[in-house]
Amino acid sequence: MHVVLLEPEIAPNTGNIARLCAATDATLHLIEPLGFRMDDARLRRAGMDYWRRVRWRRWPDWRRFEASLPAGARLWLVESGGPLLYSEARYEPGDWLVFGRESLGLPKPLLETRRDRWVRIPMFGAEARSLNLANCVAIVLYEALRQQGFPGGR
């Protein structure tokens, strides 16, 4: 599986996601601009000593990331308002789970070009505006792995 963070802003979230990727054998993709420096102490602290176990790649922008995708790559855009619940999607090995900035989410034009792969995590209660990015990644990534029978899990 691939976890893609488009312009992440909060270092501790990205560190936690890196740790999650290490624990699930997922590849992490960070698309610039980043809202922090890669030597940020909070990023390292949240990722603990897992950073050395993470397969990750940094991309200068969405255009170059998208151009590098292999033919047939299946991107799932995770954002509120999606027509499909994340649990209704049928994930396959090697799928790409795409998440947006903590403050703004994914750009609407990007979402509109891939409505068939735009999934949402349901929220309950009028007071909650959003969920933490690291929590969202964990929810969707583990559902994708569950559907595949947790390959390689112990």
C-alpha atoms as a PDB file:
ATOM      1  CA  MET A   1       0.000   0.000   0.000  1.00  0.00           C
ATOM      2  CA  HIS A   2       1.004   3.605  -0.543  1.00  0.00           C
ATOM      3  CA  VAL A   3       0.104   6.533   1.709  1.00  0.00           C
ATOM      4  CA  VAL A   4       0.264   9.915  -0.013  1.00  0.00           C
ATOM      5  CA  LEU A   5       0.236  13.197   1.940  1.00  0.00           C
ATOM      6  CA  LEU A   6      -0.399  16.211  -0.269  1.00  0.00           C
ATOM      7  CA  GLU A   7       1.179  19.283   1.327  1.00  0.00           C
ATOM      8  CA  PRO A   8       1.082  18.113   4.962  1.00  0.00           C
ATOM      9  CA  GLU A   9       1.360  20.970   7.449  1.00  0.00           C
ATOM     10  CA  ILE A  10       1.863  19.484  10.923  1.00  0.00           C
ATOM     11  CA  ALA A  11       5.128  17.707  11.688  1.00  0.00           C
ATOM     12  CA  PRO A  12       3.831  15.442  14.490  1.00  0.00           C
ATOM     13  CA  ASN A  13       1.012  14.156  12.257  1.00  0.00           C
ATOM     14  CA  THR A  14       3.494  13.242   9.539  1.00  0.00           C
ATOM     15  CA  GLY A  15       5.779  11.607  12.103  1.00  0.00           C
ATOM     16  CA  ASN A  16       2.901   9.490  13.409  1.00  0.00           C
ATOM     17  CA  ILE A  17       1.953   8.528   9.861  1.00  0.00           C
ATOM     18  CA  ALA A  18       5.551   7.548   9.122  1.00  0.00           C
ATOM     19  CA  ARG A  19       5.457   5.284  12.169  1.00  0.00           C
ATOM     20  CA  LEU A  20       2.171   3.791  10.933  1.00  0.00           C
ATOM     21  CA  CYS A  21       3.719   3.155   7.516  1.00  0.00           C
ATOM     22  CA  ALA A  22       6.677   1.388   9.137  1.00  0.00           C
ATOM     23  CA  ALA A  23       4.309  -0.809  11.151  1.00  0.00           C
ATOM     24  CA  THR A  24       2.182  -1.725   8.108  1.00  0.00           C
ATOM     25  CA  ASP A  25       4.938  -1.947   5.478  1.00  0.00           C
ATOM     26  CA  ALA A  26       3.300   0.869   3.492  1.00  0.00           C
ATOM     27  CA  THR A  27       5.287   3.348   1.418  1.00  0.00           C
ATOM     28  CA  LEU A  28       4.928   7.012   2.394  1.00  0.00           C
ATOM     29  CA  HIS A  29       4.895   9.779  -0.233  1.00  0.00           C
ATOM     30  CA  LEU A  30       5.239  13.423   0.850  1.00  0.00           C
ATOM     31  CA  ILE A  31       4.268  16.017  -1.742  1.00  0.00           C
ATOM     32  CA  GLU A  32       5.604  19.542  -1.308  1.00  0.00           C
ATOM     33  CA  PRO A  33       5.295  22.143  -0.126  1.00  0.00           C
ATOM     34  CA  LEU A  34       5.599  20.783   3.382  1.00  0.00           C
ATOM     35  CA  GLY A  35       4.548  22.910   6.348  1.00  0.00           C
ATOM     36  CA  PHE A  36       7.673  21.909   8.279  1.00  0.00           C
ATOM     37  CA  ARG A  37      11.297  20.994   7.755  1.00  0.00           C
ATOM     38  CA  MET A  38      12.307  17.341   7.588  1.00  0.00           C
ATOM     39  CA  ASP A  39      14.766  17.925  10.429  1.00  0.00           C
ATOM     40  CA  ASP A  40      11.972  19.209  12.707  1.00  0.00           C
ATOM     41  CA  ALA A  41      12.404  17.668  16.176  1.00  0.00           C
ATOM     42  CA  ARG A  42       8.635  17.133  16.501  1.00  0.00           C
ATOM     43  CA  LEU A  43       8.630  15.110  13.268  1.00  0.00           C
ATOM     44  CA  ARG A  44      11.461  12.917  14.519  1.00  0.00           C
ATOM     45  CA  ARG A  45       9.952  12.545  17.996  1.00  0.00           C
ATOM     46  CA  ALA A  46       6.526  11.469  16.652  1.00  0.00           C
ATOM     47  CA  GLY A  47       8.153   9.011  14.245  1.00  0.00           C
ATOM     48  CA  MET A  48      10.510   7.801  16.978  1.00  0.00           C
ATOM     49  CA  ASP A  49      13.162   5.429  15.679  1.00  0.00           C
ATOM     50  CA  TYR A  50      10.815   4.148  12.960  1.00  0.00           C
ATOM     51  CA  TRP A  51      12.012   6.623  10.320  1.00  0.00           C
ATOM     52  CA  ARG A  52      14.892   4.344   9.389  1.00  0.00           C
ATOM     53  CA  ARG A  53      12.351   1.573   8.664  1.00  0.00           C
ATOM     54  CA  VAL A  54      10.048   3.687   6.508  1.00  0.00           C
ATOM     55  CA  ARG A  55      10.142   3.534   2.732  1.00  0.00           C
ATOM     56  CA  TRP A  56       9.393   7.086   1.762  1.00  0.00           C
ATOM     57  CA  ARG A  57       9.773   9.519  -1.067  1.00  0.00           C
ATOM     58  CA  ARG A  58       9.501  13.284  -1.276  1.00  0.00           C
ATOM     59  CA  TRP A  59       7.962  14.884  -4.362  1.00  0.00           C
ATOM     60  CA  PRO A  60       8.344  18.544  -5.413  1.00  0.00           C
ATOM     61  CA  ASP A  61       4.686  18.843  -6.499  1.00  0.00           C
ATOM     62  CA  TRP A  62       1.546  16.921  -7.430  1.00  0.00           C
ATOM     63  CA  ARG A  63       2.261  17.122 -11.162  1.00  0.00           C
ATOM     64  CA  ARG A  64       5.572  15.279 -10.866  1.00  0.00           C
ATOM     65  CA  PHE A  65       4.138  12.755  -8.431  1.00  0.00           C
ATOM     66  CA  GLU A  66       1.214  12.010 -10.743  1.00  0.00           C
ATOM     67  CA  ALA A  67       3.507  11.709 -13.771  1.00  0.00           C
ATOM     68  CA  SER A  68       5.541   9.051 -11.959  1.00  0.00           C
ATOM     69  CA  LEU A  69       2.587   6.775 -11.222  1.00  0.00           C
ATOM     70  CA  PRO A  70       2.667   3.375 -12.871  1.00  0.00           C
ATOM     71  CA  ALA A  71       0.047   2.567 -15.480  1.00  0.00           C
ATOM     72  CA  GLY A  72      -3.169   1.428 -13.837  1.00  0.00           C
ATOM     73  CA  ALA A  73      -2.346   2.959 -10.447  1.00  0.00           C
ATOM     74  CA  ARG A  74      -5.476   3.138  -8.286  1.00  0.00           C
ATOM     75  CA  LEU A  75      -5.657   6.326  -6.256  1.00  0.00           C
ATOM     76  CA  TRP A  76      -8.242   6.673  -3.486  1.00  0.00           C
ATOM     77  CA  LEU A  77      -8.845  10.279  -2.446  1.00  0.00           C
ATOM     78  CA  VAL A  78      -9.875  10.509   1.190  1.00  0.00           C
ATOM     79  CA  GLU A  79     -11.863  13.678   1.893  1.00  0.00           C
ATOM     80  CA  SER A  80     -15.135  14.708   3.465  1.00  0.00           C
ATOM     81  CA  GLY A  81     -18.087  14.924   1.110  1.00  0.00           C
ATOM     82  CA  GLY A  82     -17.056  11.909  -0.942  1.00  0.00           C
ATOM     83  CA  PRO A  83     -19.809   9.870  -2.566  1.00  0.00           C
ATOM     84  CA  LEU A  84     -18.448   6.580  -1.179  1.00  0.00           C
ATOM     85  CA  LEU A  85     -17.753   5.482   2.395  1.00  0.00           C
ATOM     86  CA  TYR A  86     -14.144   4.381   2.891  1.00  0.00           C
ATOM     87  CA  SER A  87     -15.439   0.976   4.012  1.00  0.00           C
ATOM     88  CA  GLU A  88     -17.393   0.496   0.769  1.00  0.00           C
ATOM     89  CA  ALA A  89     -14.336   0.850  -1.433  1.00  0.00           C
ATOM     90  CA  ARG A  90     -12.649  -2.350  -2.603  1.00  0.00           C
ATOM     91  CA  TYR A  91      -8.927  -1.890  -2.033  1.00  0.00           C
ATOM     92  CA  GLU A  92      -6.247  -3.908  -3.766  1.00  0.00           C
ATOM     93  CA  PRO A  93      -2.568  -4.464  -3.001  1.00  0.00           C
ATOM     94  CA  GLY A  94      -0.518  -1.513  -4.215  1.00  0.00           C
ATOM     95  CA  ASP A  95      -3.370   1.019  -4.032  1.00  0.00           C
ATOM     96  CA  TRP A  96      -2.553   4.638  -3.245  1.00  0.00           C
ATOM     97  CA  LEU A  97      -4.396   6.360  -0.371  1.00  0.00           C
ATOM     98  CA  VAL A  98      -4.260  10.138  -0.847  1.00  0.00           C
ATOM     99  CA  PHE A  99      -4.824  12.642   1.987  1.00  0.00           C
ATOM    100  CA  GLY A 100      -4.742  16.441   1.889  1.00  0.00           C
ATOM    101  CA  ARG A 101      -3.551  19.266   4.085  1.00  0.00           C
ATOM    102  CA  GLU A 102      -4.757  19.412   7.650  1.00  0.00           C
ATOM    103  CA  SER A 103      -6.259  22.884   7.173  1.00  0.00           C
ATOM    104  CA  LEU A 104      -7.832  22.589   3.700  1.00  0.00           C
ATOM    105  CA  GLY A 105      -7.953  18.933   2.698  1.00  0.00           C
ATOM    106  CA  LEU A 106      -7.626  17.944  -0.943  1.00  0.00           C
ATOM    107  CA  PRO A 107      -8.255  20.492  -3.721  1.00  0.00           C
ATOM    108  CA  LYS A 108     -11.780  20.335  -5.155  1.00  0.00           C
ATOM    109  CA  PRO A 109     -10.584  20.160  -8.799  1.00  0.00           C
ATOM    110  CA  LEU A 110      -8.567  17.039  -7.950  1.00  0.00           C
ATOM    111  CA  LEU A 111     -11.554  15.464  -6.211  1.00  0.00           C
ATOM    112  CA  GLU A 112     -13.867  16.208  -9.124  1.00  0.00           C
ATOM    113  CA  THR A 113     -11.546  14.455 -11.594  1.00  0.00           C
ATOM    114  CA  ARG A 114     -11.730  11.250  -9.553  1.00  0.00           C
ATOM    115  CA  ARG A 115     -15.244  11.145  -8.098  1.00  0.00           C
ATOM    116  CA  ASP A 116     -15.355   7.358  -8.512  1.00  0.00           C
ATOM    117  CA  ARG A 117     -12.409   7.035  -6.083  1.00  0.00           C
ATOM    118  CA  TRP A 118     -13.352   9.794  -3.632  1.00  0.00           C
ATOM    119  CA  VAL A 119     -14.084   8.241  -0.242  1.00  0.00           C
ATOM    120  CA  ARG A 120     -15.145   9.737   3.058  1.00  0.00           C
ATOM    121  CA  ILE A 121     -14.947   8.759   6.705  1.00  0.00           C
ATOM    122  CA  PRO A 122     -18.331   9.355   8.364  1.00  0.00           C
ATOM    123  CA  MET A 123     -18.512  11.756  11.280  1.00  0.00           C
ATOM    124  CA  PHE A 124     -21.246  12.095  13.849  1.00  0.00           C
ATOM    125  CA  GLY A 125     -22.321  15.180  15.745  1.00  0.00           C
ATOM    126  CA  ALA A 126     -22.607  18.751  14.562  1.00  0.00           C
ATOM    127  CA  GLU A 127     -19.668  20.046  16.603  1.00  0.00           C
ATOM    128  CA  ALA A 128     -16.873  18.039  14.955  1.00  0.00           C
ATOM    129  CA  ARG A 129     -15.367  19.760  11.911  1.00  0.00           C
ATOM    130  CA  SER A 130     -12.671  17.216  11.120  1.00  0.00           C
ATOM    131  CA  LEU A 131     -10.643  14.270  12.334  1.00  0.00           C
ATOM    132  CA  ASN A 132      -6.902  14.218  12.953  1.00  0.00           C
ATOM    133  CA  LEU A 133      -4.970  13.387   9.775  1.00  0.00           C
ATOM    134  CA  ALA A 134      -2.962  10.569  11.367  1.00  0.00           C
ATOM    135  CA  ASN A 135      -6.194   9.009  12.637  1.00  0.00           C
ATOM    136  CA  CYS A 136      -7.742   9.215   9.165  1.00  0.00           C
ATOM    137  CA  VAL A 137      -4.751   7.498   7.597  1.00  0.00           C
ATOM    138  CA  ALA A 138      -4.883   4.739  10.213  1.00  0.00           C
ATOM    139  CA  ILE A 139      -8.625   4.177   9.718  1.00  0.00           C
ATOM    140  CA  VAL A 140      -8.435   3.839   5.933  1.00  0.00           C
ATOM    141  CA  LEU A 141      -5.092   2.020   5.742  1.00  0.00           C
ATOM    142  CA  TYR A 142      -6.187  -0.644   8.216  1.00  0.00           C
ATOM    143  CA  GLU A 143      -9.489  -1.125   6.377  1.00  0.00           C
ATOM    144  CA  ALA A 144      -7.569  -1.639   3.143  1.00  0.00           C
ATOM    145  CA  LEU A 145      -5.261  -4.142   4.845  1.00  0.00           C
ATOM    146  CA  ARG A 146      -8.206  -5.900   6.519  1.00  0.00           C
ATOM    147  CA  GLN A 147      -9.843  -6.411   3.138  1.00  0.00           C
ATOM    148  CA  GLN A 148      -6.647  -8.059   1.920  1.00  0.00           C
ATOM    149  CA  GLY A 149      -6.447 -10.377   4.938  1.00  0.00           C
ATOM    150  CA  PHE A 150      -3.659  -8.398   6.624  1.00  0.00           C
ATOM    151  CA  PRO A 151      -0.900  -9.742   4.346  1.00  0.00           C
ATOM    152  CA  GLY A 152       2.364 -10.222   6.201  1.00  0.00           C
ATOM    153  CA  GLY A 153       0.752  -9.310   9.519  1.00  0.00           C
ATOM    154  CA  ARG A 154       1.654 -11.060  12.718  1.00  0.00           C
END
